[in-house]
Amino acid sequence: MGELDVKIKLRVTGLDDMKDDLKNIRRRMGDLRPVWPKVNASLKKYLIENFTAQGLPSGGWKPLDAQYGSWKSAHFPGAPLLVQSGALFAKVVKGPDLDGGKRGATFSFGGEIAKFHQYGTTKMAKREIIFSTDLWEKDVARMIEDYIIDGTI
């Protein structure tokens, strides 16, 4: 029997497009600043839910002590926890202050009142305003992934 001479010729196309896609992915990985405003808006939604639910999503806020609770109900009848003037809730509705860099971001509320409630004091129970939930963290991961892979914000 004779030898069989078979030649197969392949031509691959589209590699330039793939190189461009990978270059864009690499560029987006190095600078996440465009996604931070969307992440901040998502956090704001969770924080408003936490505030209006009296801290249930963050484990529940401790009730006021009897003496302060009595004073508050006399001076601010019907006002829920963490509400007197409404200034703190207005900050929550406005959303956290955002300090976003290329690879990370910080979300915060300024002011002494927020700090006292967030961390508590010797006379005041800790009632977290800013907190991170598993759902929010999954949302953030998805937002960053979408941005890195296809530039979606």
C-alpha atoms as a PDB file:
ATOM      1  CA  MET A   1       0.000   0.000   0.000  1.00  0.00           C
ATOM      2  CA  GLY A   2       1.099   3.504  -0.686  1.00  0.00           C
ATOM      3  CA  GLU A   3       1.421   6.333   1.754  1.00  0.00           C
ATOM      4  CA  LEU A   4      -1.487   8.642   2.215  1.00  0.00           C
ATOM      5  CA  ASP A   5      -0.531  12.298   1.970  1.00  0.00           C
ATOM      6  CA  VAL A   6      -3.103  14.497   3.749  1.00  0.00           C
ATOM      7  CA  LYS A   7      -2.693  18.186   4.417  1.00  0.00           C
ATOM      8  CA  ILE A   8      -4.964  20.226   6.631  1.00  0.00           C
ATOM      9  CA  LYS A   9      -4.747  23.968   6.591  1.00  0.00           C
ATOM     10  CA  LEU A  10      -6.349  26.034   9.378  1.00  0.00           C
ATOM     11  CA  ARG A  11      -6.772  29.735   9.430  1.00  0.00           C
ATOM     12  CA  VAL A  12      -7.680  31.383  12.722  1.00  0.00           C
ATOM     13  CA  THR A  13      -9.359  34.780  12.578  1.00  0.00           C
ATOM     14  CA  GLY A  14     -10.625  37.168  15.189  1.00  0.00           C
ATOM     15  CA  LEU A  15      -7.513  37.123  17.363  1.00  0.00           C
ATOM     16  CA  ASP A  16      -7.070  40.865  16.988  1.00  0.00           C
ATOM     17  CA  ASP A  17     -10.564  41.416  18.409  1.00  0.00           C
ATOM     18  CA  MET A  18      -9.777  39.063  21.292  1.00  0.00           C
ATOM     19  CA  LYS A  19      -6.519  40.902  21.970  1.00  0.00           C
ATOM     20  CA  ASP A  20      -8.464  44.165  22.119  1.00  0.00           C
ATOM     21  CA  ASP A  21     -11.035  42.626  24.480  1.00  0.00           C
ATOM     22  CA  LEU A  22      -8.307  41.344  26.804  1.00  0.00           C
ATOM     23  CA  LYS A  23      -6.559  44.717  26.710  1.00  0.00           C
ATOM     24  CA  ASN A  24      -9.821  46.447  27.728  1.00  0.00           C
ATOM     25  CA  ILE A  25     -10.417  43.930  30.527  1.00  0.00           C
ATOM     26  CA  ARG A  26      -6.916  44.536  31.857  1.00  0.00           C
ATOM     27  CA  ARG A  27      -7.428  48.316  31.704  1.00  0.00           C
ATOM     28  CA  ARG A  28     -10.753  48.109  33.563  1.00  0.00           C
ATOM     29  CA  MET A  29      -9.232  45.816  36.209  1.00  0.00           C
ATOM     30  CA  GLY A  30      -6.677  48.512  36.958  1.00  0.00           C
ATOM     31  CA  ASP A  31      -9.212  51.299  37.505  1.00  0.00           C
ATOM     32  CA  LEU A  32     -12.544  50.560  39.183  1.00  0.00           C
ATOM     33  CA  ARG A  33     -13.465  54.218  39.759  1.00  0.00           C
ATOM     34  CA  PRO A  34     -16.312  54.205  37.199  1.00  0.00           C
ATOM     35  CA  VAL A  35     -18.215  51.510  39.153  1.00  0.00           C
ATOM     36  CA  TRP A  36     -18.034  53.126  42.620  1.00  0.00           C
ATOM     37  CA  PRO A  37     -21.046  55.467  42.166  1.00  0.00           C
ATOM     38  CA  LYS A  38     -23.246  52.464  41.315  1.00  0.00           C
ATOM     39  CA  VAL A  39     -21.868  50.552  44.311  1.00  0.00           C
ATOM     40  CA  ASN A  40     -22.578  53.610  46.485  1.00  0.00           C
ATOM     41  CA  ALA A  41     -26.185  53.811  45.229  1.00  0.00           C
ATOM     42  CA  SER A  42     -26.648  50.129  46.039  1.00  0.00           C
ATOM     43  CA  LEU A  43     -25.250  50.616  49.550  1.00  0.00           C
ATOM     44  CA  LYS A  44     -27.568  53.592  50.057  1.00  0.00           C
ATOM     45  CA  LYS A  45     -30.560  51.348  49.277  1.00  0.00           C
ATOM     46  CA  TYR A  46     -29.496  48.786  51.892  1.00  0.00           C
ATOM     47  CA  LEU A  47     -28.807  51.474  54.493  1.00  0.00           C
ATOM     48  CA  ILE A  48     -32.217  53.095  54.000  1.00  0.00           C
ATOM     49  CA  GLU A  49     -33.839  49.673  54.409  1.00  0.00           C
ATOM     50  CA  ASN A  50     -31.813  49.114  57.588  1.00  0.00           C
ATOM     51  CA  PHE A  51     -32.761  52.512  58.984  1.00  0.00           C
ATOM     52  CA  THR A  52     -36.470  52.212  58.225  1.00  0.00           C
ATOM     53  CA  ALA A  53     -36.540  48.671  59.654  1.00  0.00           C
ATOM     54  CA  GLN A  54     -34.971  49.902  62.922  1.00  0.00           C
ATOM     55  CA  GLY A  55     -31.755  47.994  62.306  1.00  0.00           C
ATOM     56  CA  LEU A  56     -33.279  44.556  61.672  1.00  0.00           C
ATOM     57  CA  PRO A  57     -31.054  43.840  58.639  1.00  0.00           C
ATOM     58  CA  SER A  58     -27.962  44.584  60.756  1.00  0.00           C
ATOM     59  CA  GLY A  59     -29.073  42.435  63.683  1.00  0.00           C
ATOM     60  CA  GLY A  60     -31.572  44.806  65.283  1.00  0.00           C
ATOM     61  CA  TRP A  61     -30.961  47.971  67.257  1.00  0.00           C
ATOM     62  CA  LYS A  62     -31.153  47.816  71.035  1.00  0.00           C
ATOM     63  CA  PRO A  63     -34.138  49.659  72.508  1.00  0.00           C
ATOM     64  CA  LEU A  64     -33.588  52.903  74.360  1.00  0.00           C
ATOM     65  CA  ASP A  65     -32.957  52.694  78.091  1.00  0.00           C
ATOM     66  CA  ALA A  66     -36.009  53.500  80.211  1.00  0.00           C
ATOM     67  CA  GLN A  67     -34.933  56.975  81.346  1.00  0.00           C
ATOM     68  CA  TYR A  68     -33.947  58.248  77.900  1.00  0.00           C
ATOM     69  CA  GLY A  69     -36.890  56.467  76.245  1.00  0.00           C
ATOM     70  CA  SER A  70     -39.288  58.292  78.579  1.00  0.00           C
ATOM     71  CA  TRP A  71     -37.645  61.654  77.888  1.00  0.00           C
ATOM     72  CA  LYS A  72     -37.635  61.054  74.129  1.00  0.00           C
ATOM     73  CA  SER A  73     -41.293  60.015  73.973  1.00  0.00           C
ATOM     74  CA  ALA A  74     -42.241  63.206  75.865  1.00  0.00           C
ATOM     75  CA  HIS A  75     -40.156  65.497  73.623  1.00  0.00           C
ATOM     76  CA  PHE A  76     -40.360  63.620  70.294  1.00  0.00           C
ATOM     77  CA  PRO A  77     -43.548  61.547  70.449  1.00  0.00           C
ATOM     78  CA  GLY A  78     -43.672  58.731  67.927  1.00  0.00           C
ATOM     79  CA  ALA A  79     -40.099  59.258  66.744  1.00  0.00           C
ATOM     80  CA  PRO A  80     -38.388  55.932  65.996  1.00  0.00           C
ATOM     81  CA  LEU A  81     -34.897  54.955  67.104  1.00  0.00           C
ATOM     82  CA  LEU A  82     -32.133  57.227  65.814  1.00  0.00           C
ATOM     83  CA  VAL A  83     -34.612  59.951  64.891  1.00  0.00           C
ATOM     84  CA  GLN A  84     -35.123  63.272  66.640  1.00  0.00           C
ATOM     85  CA  SER A  85     -34.642  66.079  64.148  1.00  0.00           C
ATOM     86  CA  GLY A  86     -34.413  63.821  61.108  1.00  0.00           C
ATOM     87  CA  ALA A  87     -30.917  65.068  60.241  1.00  0.00           C
ATOM     88  CA  LEU A  88     -29.285  61.639  60.560  1.00  0.00           C
ATOM     89  CA  PHE A  89     -31.917  59.943  58.396  1.00  0.00           C
ATOM     90  CA  ALA A  90     -31.509  62.765  55.848  1.00  0.00           C
ATOM     91  CA  LYS A  91     -27.809  61.830  55.662  1.00  0.00           C
ATOM     92  CA  VAL A  92     -28.748  58.191  55.080  1.00  0.00           C
ATOM     93  CA  VAL A  93     -31.180  59.195  52.318  1.00  0.00           C
ATOM     94  CA  LYS A  94     -28.486  61.386  50.736  1.00  0.00           C
ATOM     95  CA  GLY A  95     -26.193  58.365  50.764  1.00  0.00           C
ATOM     96  CA  PRO A  96     -22.721  57.699  52.081  1.00  0.00           C
ATOM     97  CA  ASP A  97     -19.812  59.942  51.223  1.00  0.00           C
ATOM     98  CA  LEU A  98     -17.710  58.153  48.643  1.00  0.00           C
ATOM     99  CA  ASP A  99     -13.932  58.238  48.413  1.00  0.00           C
ATOM    100  CA  GLY A 100     -13.154  55.987  45.471  1.00  0.00           C
ATOM    101  CA  GLY A 101      -9.738  55.094  44.187  1.00  0.00           C
ATOM    102  CA  LYS A 102      -8.530  52.856  41.382  1.00  0.00           C
ATOM    103  CA  ARG A 103      -8.612  49.659  43.440  1.00  0.00           C
ATOM    104  CA  GLY A 104     -10.790  50.424  46.466  1.00  0.00           C
ATOM    105  CA  ALA A 105     -13.377  52.735  47.925  1.00  0.00           C
ATOM    106  CA  THR A 106     -14.429  54.048  51.321  1.00  0.00           C
ATOM    107  CA  PHE A 107     -18.068  54.781  52.180  1.00  0.00           C
ATOM    108  CA  SER A 108     -18.789  56.926  55.233  1.00  0.00           C
ATOM    109  CA  PHE A 109     -21.075  59.391  56.984  1.00  0.00           C
ATOM    110  CA  GLY A 110     -19.539  62.415  58.599  1.00  0.00           C
ATOM    111  CA  GLY A 111     -20.578  63.940  61.861  1.00  0.00           C
ATOM    112  CA  GLU A 112     -20.487  63.127  65.519  1.00  0.00           C
ATOM    113  CA  ILE A 113     -24.087  61.894  65.745  1.00  0.00           C
ATOM    114  CA  ALA A 114     -23.525  59.165  63.157  1.00  0.00           C
ATOM    115  CA  LYS A 115     -20.253  58.165  64.830  1.00  0.00           C
ATOM    116  CA  PHE A 116     -21.841  57.914  68.281  1.00  0.00           C
ATOM    117  CA  HIS A 117     -24.615  55.665  66.979  1.00  0.00           C
ATOM    118  CA  GLN A 118     -22.330  53.571  64.779  1.00  0.00           C
ATOM    119  CA  TYR A 119     -19.880  52.696  67.548  1.00  0.00           C
ATOM    120  CA  GLY A 120     -21.862  53.453  70.710  1.00  0.00           C
ATOM    121  CA  THR A 121     -20.630  55.298  73.778  1.00  0.00           C
ATOM    122  CA  THR A 122     -20.515  54.586  77.495  1.00  0.00           C
ATOM    123  CA  LYS A 123     -24.049  56.026  77.682  1.00  0.00           C
ATOM    124  CA  MET A 124     -25.417  54.924  74.294  1.00  0.00           C
ATOM    125  CA  ALA A 125     -25.800  51.471  72.757  1.00  0.00           C
ATOM    126  CA  LYS A 126     -24.126  50.716  69.452  1.00  0.00           C
ATOM    127  CA  ARG A 127     -26.656  50.917  66.603  1.00  0.00           C
ATOM    128  CA  GLU A 128     -24.968  50.334  63.274  1.00  0.00           C
ATOM    129  CA  ILE A 129     -25.958  52.654  60.470  1.00  0.00           C
ATOM    130  CA  ILE A 130     -23.316  51.499  58.007  1.00  0.00           C
ATOM    131  CA  PHE A 131     -22.903  47.764  57.688  1.00  0.00           C
ATOM    132  CA  SER A 132     -22.276  45.206  54.988  1.00  0.00           C
ATOM    133  CA  THR A 133     -24.673  42.397  54.153  1.00  0.00           C
ATOM    134  CA  ASP A 134     -23.968  39.237  52.199  1.00  0.00           C
ATOM    135  CA  LEU A 135     -26.522  40.393  49.610  1.00  0.00           C
ATOM    136  CA  TRP A 136     -24.812  43.740  49.162  1.00  0.00           C
ATOM    137  CA  GLU A 137     -21.405  42.103  48.894  1.00  0.00           C
ATOM    138  CA  LYS A 138     -22.762  39.793  46.173  1.00  0.00           C
ATOM    139  CA  ASP A 139     -24.248  42.825  44.388  1.00  0.00           C
ATOM    140  CA  VAL A 140     -20.875  44.577  44.530  1.00  0.00           C
ATOM    141  CA  ALA A 141     -19.047  41.504  43.226  1.00  0.00           C
ATOM    142  CA  ARG A 142     -21.507  41.275  40.315  1.00  0.00           C
ATOM    143  CA  MET A 143     -21.194  45.003  39.519  1.00  0.00           C
ATOM    144  CA  ILE A 144     -17.397  44.819  39.493  1.00  0.00           C
ATOM    145  CA  GLU A 145     -17.419  41.618  37.443  1.00  0.00           C
ATOM    146  CA  ASP A 146     -19.810  43.122  34.872  1.00  0.00           C
ATOM    147  CA  TYR A 147     -17.656  46.218  34.640  1.00  0.00           C
ATOM    148  CA  ILE A 148     -14.386  44.320  34.248  1.00  0.00           C
ATOM    149  CA  ILE A 149     -15.679  41.762  31.749  1.00  0.00           C
ATOM    150  CA  ASP A 150     -17.790  43.917  29.449  1.00  0.00           C
ATOM    151  CA  GLY A 151     -17.613  47.501  30.716  1.00  0.00           C
ATOM    152  CA  THR A 152     -21.232  47.526  31.949  1.00  0.00           C
ATOM    153  CA  ILE A 153     -21.963  50.065  34.642  1.00  0.00           C
END
